[in-house]
């Protein structure tokens, strides 16, 4: 796959790194890359429908080559700037600290940036993320606050003028967070060494990373090297520069503002309420009156809980509420600990008067009744961050029926022999497949099926459908022996972007 060379001011140039030790074998082949070096990629929509994203489908955001770390020799340190730092090993944490588990969503501030890039508003600076630079995992580790106290850092540090905690990664990525976040009640800040019950993958911070729940993903530093308590926030583009700051929609170039103005702005800490539709896929063909199964996610930062997801299938004229599922019972309204997204589901009917191309919308509400803006245009910004406009998907309305192509009539279940086209006169009431002629005849023993129409089990319902296997395609009901085969089938058959160059 040819990857678009996206301009991103926050990451190392491909020619400047050592790329021979990248964990390529750990990366799912269905990940959608935006740059190869460093590897920045998001999962396809099917990878965003589970409460916990699979490790190899969790979005990946890198700024440099992935470090190679020897766990036994690994040490990280904590302390005050200008003072002696206390060193810890991973075994120190595993053997001496109380273990904890935390469902937490991480989201890149550039999630859905690609929707900002229009001819009217202009191009933004950064990777062209779709709606997949967000993922959720069950993180296992120990309390960051407890370990900092063992290193001699307490909440009294702020009274002495220390306002920030600065995290440094092994690869020298570094950012700061307010120290009060680390010491506030129920902060749940975690030093994590496991992800979804497995050791951290290298792409996600092996052997140890910080999880700062409720903050943007950029604050959860991977491959942690040292944690330094500072009076001022750190220097650098990721903290004081443009990387995580939002300019007004009228500012179309960095030359329109001064460096001093950019540095005077605070970096983004929390993600405003947002949502997305992950099913059906964009460009899916549907028919008027058809039942439409919708799914997606909704998320709010700062520990605010999503309390409602509204769905509209008529352009926003009318709305109804989706069913939502939380990661666990502790993350409910007014808990201030709703660190994970909700997954939502809704069953609708395609309107009888739906236009050829029509949009389905979703918008979420949190427990402080913050809601999403309607349109991306008023919140457009040069860096393309925090596109929290209504989630949407555009579908195609087919006015006729579905006809099985000649290739699909064989029913052998191969990728090349699964094709649907519009038209036809005779529709099967069980599966909506359309045939040009009524060649099925009623015999004395019941319904007789011609050789051309026979499927693996001889039923009309399963004409053209492969029945064997463990993994079912939700779009066409074909079965496959492996999840990888199912993923490839989706990529080459159902993915609306399959004919586009990345």
Foldseek 3Di string as FASTA:
>chain_A
DDADPAFAPQADDQVPADAPDAPVVLAFPQWAFNDVFVTFTFHALVQAQDQARPQNRQTFDDRYHQDDDDLVPDWAWEEAPPDDTDIDHQCCFVVPFDKDKDKFKAAAQQACLLQLDDPVLHHAHDGNHHRGRMGIWIFMTHQPLVVNVVRVDDPCVVVVQQFWKKWAAPVGDIWIDGVCLSHPPPQPWGWTQDTNRHGRDSSAAPRTWIDRFLWHNSVTGHNTHYIYGHNDIDDDCQFQNDQQDFDFSVDQDPVVDDSVVSSVDGGGTGAAKAKAKSPDAFAAEDAAFDKGKTKIKIDTGQLWAWDWKWKDLPQPPDIDTWDKDAPDPCSDHPSSRRRGIIMTIDIDGRHNPADQKTKMWMKIATNVRDIAAADQSRRNGNNSGNSRHIYMGIYGYDHAFKEQDQLLLQQPADLVSGDIDGDADDADPQARYHDNDDPWDADPVGIDDDPSQQHPVRDNNQRSAADDADDADPVRRHHDPDPSVSSVSCLCPVNPCNPPDD
